[in-house]
Amino acid sequence: MWVDLTGGVKEEYIDPYTKPEEFWKPLKRSRYPGNPFGYDYYMDWRERVKFYQESIGAYNEAVKAFNRGSTKYSYSQLESWSKNLDELEKDLATIYEPLGAVKNIEIYWD
């Protein structure tokens, strides 16, 4: 099943099974065990977005360190990390931030 009404509802997705600073490792795909149209799916998606944002920060720091001569990560690891970030961005589709709770609703009737 792969339904894309909002740009992001997918039963199979990239699973961030590792720490953000280890996202250069091979990608792992998982199938969502519950209802992909339920609220739990949304919360799981938000966690993957948070992981993506943390991974970008960790990647940028690793690149800065590499450019200063650090040998913690090899060039190929950084390249793999960059590709994984691109894949995860595609997998997440449109990333939007919640606007908060609705406080007022106005209904006009003709």
N, C-alpha and C. Protein backbone atom coordinates (compact mmCIF):
# COMPACT_ATOMS: atom_id res chain seq x y z
N MET A 1 0.84 -1.18 0.00
CA MET A 1 0.00 0.00 0.00
C MET A 1 0.88 1.24 0.00
N TRP A 2 0.56 2.18 -0.84
CA TRP A 2 1.30 3.44 -0.90
C TRP A 2 0.31 4.50 -1.31
N VAL A 3 -0.21 5.24 -0.36
CA VAL A 3 -1.18 6.30 -0.62
C VAL A 3 -0.50 7.62 -0.33
N ASP A 4 -0.62 8.55 -1.25
CA ASP A 4 0.06 9.83 -1.09
C ASP A 4 -0.93 10.97 -1.26
N LEU A 5 -1.75 11.19 -0.27
CA LEU A 5 -2.73 12.28 -0.31
C LEU A 5 -2.12 13.60 0.13
N THR A 6 -1.21 13.56 1.07
CA THR A 6 -0.62 14.78 1.60
C THR A 6 0.85 14.88 1.27
N GLY A 7 1.39 13.93 0.55
CA GLY A 7 2.80 13.93 0.22
C GLY A 7 3.61 13.08 1.18
N GLY A 8 2.98 12.40 2.13
CA GLY A 8 3.80 11.67 3.08
C GLY A 8 3.22 10.43 3.72
N VAL A 9 2.00 10.01 3.40
CA VAL A 9 1.43 8.83 4.03
C VAL A 9 1.91 7.59 3.30
N LYS A 10 2.82 6.86 3.95
CA LYS A 10 3.39 5.66 3.35
C LYS A 10 3.44 4.55 4.38
N GLU A 11 3.11 3.37 3.97
CA GLU A 11 3.18 2.24 4.89
C GLU A 11 4.62 1.78 5.08
N GLU A 12 5.44 1.90 4.04
CA GLU A 12 6.86 1.54 4.14
C GLU A 12 7.69 2.82 4.10
N TYR A 13 8.65 2.92 5.01
CA TYR A 13 9.42 4.15 5.13
C TYR A 13 10.82 3.84 5.64
N ILE A 14 11.71 4.83 5.54
CA ILE A 14 13.06 4.70 6.07
C ILE A 14 12.98 4.79 7.59
N ASP A 15 13.53 3.80 8.25
CA ASP A 15 13.50 3.73 9.71
C ASP A 15 14.80 4.32 10.27
N PRO A 16 14.72 5.41 11.02
CA PRO A 16 15.94 5.96 11.64
C PRO A 16 16.31 5.14 12.88
N TYR A 17 16.87 3.96 12.65
CA TYR A 17 17.15 2.99 13.70
C TYR A 17 18.43 3.30 14.46
N THR A 18 19.12 4.35 14.08
CA THR A 18 20.42 4.64 14.65
C THR A 18 20.44 6.04 15.25
N LYS A 19 21.58 6.46 15.74
CA LYS A 19 21.75 7.82 16.25
C LYS A 19 21.98 8.76 15.07
N PRO A 20 21.61 10.04 15.19
CA PRO A 20 21.83 10.97 14.08
C PRO A 20 23.29 11.01 13.60
N GLU A 21 24.24 10.87 14.52
CA GLU A 21 25.65 10.93 14.12
C GLU A 21 26.15 9.62 13.51
N GLU A 22 25.26 8.64 13.37
CA GLU A 22 25.63 7.37 12.73
C GLU A 22 24.76 7.10 11.51
N PHE A 23 24.17 8.15 10.95
CA PHE A 23 23.22 7.96 9.84
C PHE A 23 23.92 7.70 8.50
N TRP A 24 25.22 7.52 8.52
CA TRP A 24 25.97 7.15 7.31
C TRP A 24 25.87 5.65 7.05
N LYS A 25 25.39 4.90 8.02
CA LYS A 25 25.28 3.44 7.87
C LYS A 25 24.16 3.10 6.88
N PRO A 26 24.11 1.86 6.38
CA PRO A 26 23.07 1.48 5.41
C PRO A 26 21.66 1.77 5.93
N LEU A 27 20.80 2.22 5.01
CA LEU A 27 19.42 2.53 5.38
C LEU A 27 18.64 1.26 5.66
N LYS A 28 17.69 1.38 6.55
CA LYS A 28 16.81 0.27 6.91
C LYS A 28 15.38 0.73 6.63
N ARG A 29 14.63 -0.07 5.94
CA ARG A 29 13.23 0.25 5.67
C ARG A 29 12.34 -0.58 6.58
N SER A 30 11.25 0.03 7.01
CA SER A 30 10.30 -0.66 7.88
C SER A 30 8.89 -0.46 7.34
N ARG A 31 8.02 -1.34 7.76
CA ARG A 31 6.59 -1.19 7.43
C ARG A 31 5.89 -0.73 8.70
N TYR A 32 5.03 0.26 8.55
CA TYR A 32 4.31 0.77 9.70
C TYR A 32 3.33 -0.30 10.19
N PRO A 33 3.39 -0.67 11.48
CA PRO A 33 2.58 -1.79 11.97
C PRO A 33 1.11 -1.45 12.20
N GLY A 34 0.78 -0.19 12.30
CA GLY A 34 -0.59 0.19 12.61
C GLY A 34 -1.31 0.79 11.41
N ASN A 35 -2.28 1.62 11.71
CA ASN A 35 -3.07 2.30 10.70
C ASN A 35 -2.30 3.54 10.21
N PRO A 36 -1.88 3.58 8.94
CA PRO A 36 -1.12 4.74 8.48
C PRO A 36 -1.95 6.02 8.39
N PHE A 37 -3.24 5.93 8.64
CA PHE A 37 -4.08 7.12 8.64
C PHE A 37 -4.46 7.55 10.06
N GLY A 38 -3.90 6.88 11.06
CA GLY A 38 -4.19 7.21 12.45
C GLY A 38 -3.24 8.26 13.00
N TYR A 39 -3.56 8.80 14.14
CA TYR A 39 -2.75 9.85 14.77
C TYR A 39 -1.37 9.33 15.17
N ASP A 40 -1.28 8.06 15.53
CA ASP A 40 0.02 7.48 15.91
C ASP A 40 1.01 7.54 14.75
N TYR A 41 0.50 7.37 13.54
CA TYR A 41 1.38 7.48 12.37
C TYR A 41 1.96 8.89 12.29
N TYR A 42 1.12 9.88 12.51
CA TYR A 42 1.58 11.27 12.48
C TYR A 42 2.67 11.50 13.52
N MET A 43 2.47 10.97 14.73
CA MET A 43 3.48 11.15 15.79
C MET A 43 4.78 10.44 15.42
N ASP A 44 4.68 9.28 14.80
CA ASP A 44 5.87 8.57 14.33
C ASP A 44 6.58 9.39 13.24
N TRP A 45 5.80 9.97 12.33
CA TRP A 45 6.36 10.81 11.29
C TRP A 45 7.07 12.02 11.89
N ARG A 46 6.48 12.63 12.91
CA ARG A 46 7.11 13.79 13.57
C ARG A 46 8.46 13.39 14.19
N GLU A 47 8.54 12.18 14.75
CA GLU A 47 9.81 11.70 15.31
C GLU A 47 10.85 11.52 14.21
N ARG A 48 10.42 11.05 13.04
CA ARG A 48 11.36 10.90 11.92
C ARG A 48 11.83 12.27 11.41
N VAL A 49 10.93 13.26 11.42
CA VAL A 49 11.32 14.62 11.03
C VAL A 49 12.35 15.17 12.02
N LYS A 50 12.11 14.95 13.31
CA LYS A 50 13.06 15.40 14.35
C LYS A 50 14.42 14.73 14.13
N PHE A 51 14.41 13.43 13.86
CA PHE A 51 15.65 12.71 13.59
C PHE A 51 16.36 13.29 12.37
N TYR A 52 15.61 13.60 11.33
CA TYR A 52 16.17 14.19 10.11
C TYR A 52 16.85 15.52 10.43
N GLN A 53 16.19 16.37 11.19
CA GLN A 53 16.76 17.67 11.53
C GLN A 53 18.01 17.52 12.40
N GLU A 54 17.97 16.60 13.35
CA GLU A 54 19.15 16.35 14.19
C GLU A 54 20.30 15.77 13.37
N SER A 55 19.97 14.93 12.39
CA SER A 55 20.99 14.33 11.54
C SER A 55 21.67 15.37 10.67
N ILE A 56 20.91 16.35 10.20
CA ILE A 56 21.50 17.44 9.40
C ILE A 56 22.50 18.21 10.25
N GLY A 57 22.12 18.52 11.48
CA GLY A 57 23.03 19.22 12.39
C GLY A 57 24.30 18.42 12.65
N ALA A 58 24.13 17.13 12.91
CA ALA A 58 25.29 16.26 13.17
C ALA A 58 26.16 16.14 11.93
N TYR A 59 25.54 16.05 10.77
CA TYR A 59 26.30 15.95 9.51
C TYR A 59 27.12 17.23 9.28
N ASN A 60 26.49 18.38 9.47
CA ASN A 60 27.20 19.65 9.27
C ASN A 60 28.39 19.77 10.22
N GLU A 61 28.22 19.34 11.46
CA GLU A 61 29.33 19.37 12.41
C GLU A 61 30.45 18.40 11.98
N ALA A 62 30.05 17.23 11.50
CA ALA A 62 31.04 16.24 11.05
C ALA A 62 31.83 16.77 9.85
N VAL A 63 31.15 17.44 8.93
CA VAL A 63 31.83 18.01 7.76
C VAL A 63 32.80 19.11 8.19
N LYS A 64 32.37 19.96 9.12
CA LYS A 64 33.27 21.01 9.63
C LYS A 64 34.52 20.38 10.26
N ALA A 65 34.32 19.35 11.06
CA ALA A 65 35.44 18.68 11.72
C ALA A 65 36.35 18.01 10.67
N PHE A 66 35.75 17.38 9.67
CA PHE A 66 36.52 16.74 8.60
C PHE A 66 37.38 17.78 7.87
N ASN A 67 36.79 18.94 7.59
CA ASN A 67 37.52 20.00 6.89
C ASN A 67 38.66 20.58 7.74
N ARG A 68 38.56 20.42 9.06
CA ARG A 68 39.63 20.86 9.96
C ARG A 68 40.68 19.77 10.18
N GLY A 69 40.48 18.60 9.55
CA GLY A 69 41.48 17.55 9.64
C GLY A 69 41.09 16.36 10.51
N SER A 70 39.87 16.34 11.04
CA SER A 70 39.43 15.21 11.87
C SER A 70 39.36 13.94 11.03
N THR A 71 39.69 12.82 11.65
CA THR A 71 39.61 11.53 10.97
C THR A 71 38.51 10.64 11.57
N LYS A 72 37.62 11.25 12.33
CA LYS A 72 36.52 10.48 12.93
C LYS A 72 35.65 9.83 11.85
N TYR A 73 35.39 10.57 10.77
CA TYR A 73 34.61 10.06 9.64
C TYR A 73 35.46 10.13 8.38
N SER A 74 35.32 9.13 7.54
CA SER A 74 36.02 9.15 6.25
C SER A 74 35.17 9.93 5.24
N TYR A 75 35.79 10.25 4.12
CA TYR A 75 35.06 10.95 3.06
C TYR A 75 33.90 10.11 2.57
N SER A 76 34.11 8.81 2.42
CA SER A 76 33.04 7.93 1.92
C SER A 76 31.88 7.83 2.92
N GLN A 77 32.18 7.89 4.22
CA GLN A 77 31.11 7.89 5.23
C GLN A 77 30.29 9.17 5.12
N LEU A 78 30.96 10.30 4.95
CA LEU A 78 30.25 11.57 4.82
C LEU A 78 29.42 11.60 3.54
N GLU A 79 29.94 11.02 2.48
CA GLU A 79 29.21 10.95 1.23
C GLU A 79 27.96 10.07 1.38
N SER A 80 28.11 8.95 2.05
CA SER A 80 26.98 8.05 2.31
C SER A 80 25.95 8.74 3.19
N TRP A 81 26.42 9.46 4.20
CA TRP A 81 25.54 10.20 5.11
C TRP A 81 24.71 11.22 4.33
N SER A 82 25.36 11.95 3.43
CA SER A 82 24.67 12.94 2.61
C SER A 82 23.59 12.29 1.74
N LYS A 83 23.91 11.16 1.13
CA LYS A 83 22.94 10.44 0.31
C LYS A 83 21.77 9.95 1.15
N ASN A 84 22.07 9.45 2.36
CA ASN A 84 21.00 8.99 3.25
C ASN A 84 20.08 10.13 3.65
N LEU A 85 20.66 11.30 3.90
CA LEU A 85 19.84 12.47 4.24
C LEU A 85 18.92 12.85 3.07
N ASP A 86 19.45 12.79 1.86
CA ASP A 86 18.63 13.08 0.68
C ASP A 86 17.49 12.08 0.55
N GLU A 87 17.79 10.81 0.77
CA GLU A 87 16.76 9.77 0.69
C GLU A 87 15.69 9.96 1.77
N LEU A 88 16.13 10.29 2.98
CA LEU A 88 15.16 10.50 4.07
C LEU A 88 14.30 11.72 3.79
N GLU A 89 14.89 12.77 3.24
CA GLU A 89 14.10 13.96 2.90
C GLU A 89 13.01 13.62 1.89
N LYS A 90 13.36 12.83 0.87
CA LYS A 90 12.36 12.39 -0.12
C LYS A 90 11.30 11.53 0.54
N ASP A 91 11.73 10.66 1.45
CA ASP A 91 10.82 9.75 2.12
C ASP A 91 9.81 10.49 3.00
N LEU A 92 10.26 11.56 3.64
CA LEU A 92 9.38 12.32 4.52
C LEU A 92 8.40 13.20 3.75
N ALA A 93 8.73 13.49 2.49
CA ALA A 93 7.91 14.36 1.63
C ALA A 93 7.90 15.78 2.21
N THR A 94 6.80 16.47 2.10
CA THR A 94 6.72 17.85 2.57
C THR A 94 6.79 17.88 4.08
N ILE A 95 7.75 18.64 4.60
CA ILE A 95 7.89 18.79 6.05
C ILE A 95 7.24 20.11 6.45
N TYR A 96 6.27 20.01 7.30
CA TYR A 96 5.58 21.22 7.76
C TYR A 96 5.55 21.20 9.28
N GLU A 97 5.52 22.36 9.84
CA GLU A 97 5.45 22.50 11.29
C GLU A 97 4.00 22.72 11.71
N PRO A 98 3.57 22.10 12.78
CA PRO A 98 2.19 22.31 13.24
C PRO A 98 1.99 23.77 13.64
N LEU A 99 0.82 24.28 13.35
CA LEU A 99 0.51 25.68 13.64
C LEU A 99 -0.13 25.87 15.01
N GLY A 100 -0.45 24.81 15.69
CA GLY A 100 -1.05 24.92 17.02
C GLY A 100 -2.52 24.54 16.99
N ALA A 101 -3.16 24.71 18.12
CA ALA A 101 -4.58 24.35 18.26
C ALA A 101 -5.47 25.43 17.68
N VAL A 102 -6.58 25.00 17.13
CA VAL A 102 -7.58 25.95 16.62
C VAL A 102 -8.29 26.56 17.82
N LYS A 103 -8.33 27.88 17.86
CA LYS A 103 -8.95 28.57 19.00
C LYS A 103 -10.34 29.07 18.67
N ASN A 104 -10.57 29.53 17.45
CA ASN A 104 -11.85 30.06 17.05
C ASN A 104 -12.23 29.55 15.67
N ILE A 105 -13.52 29.29 15.52
CA ILE A 105 -14.03 28.91 14.21
C ILE A 105 -15.22 29.82 13.92
N GLU A 106 -15.21 30.45 12.78
CA GLU A 106 -16.33 31.28 12.36
C GLU A 106 -17.03 30.61 11.20
N ILE A 107 -18.33 30.46 11.30
CA ILE A 107 -19.11 29.83 10.24
C ILE A 107 -20.11 30.85 9.73
N TYR A 108 -20.12 31.04 8.43
CA TYR A 108 -21.06 31.96 7.78
C TYR A 108 -22.07 31.16 7.00
N TRP A 109 -23.32 31.47 7.18
CA TRP A 109 -24.40 30.73 6.53
C TRP A 109 -25.17 31.68 5.63
N ASP A 110 -25.40 31.25 4.42
CA ASP A 110 -26.20 32.06 3.48
C ASP A 110 -27.59 31.58 3.39
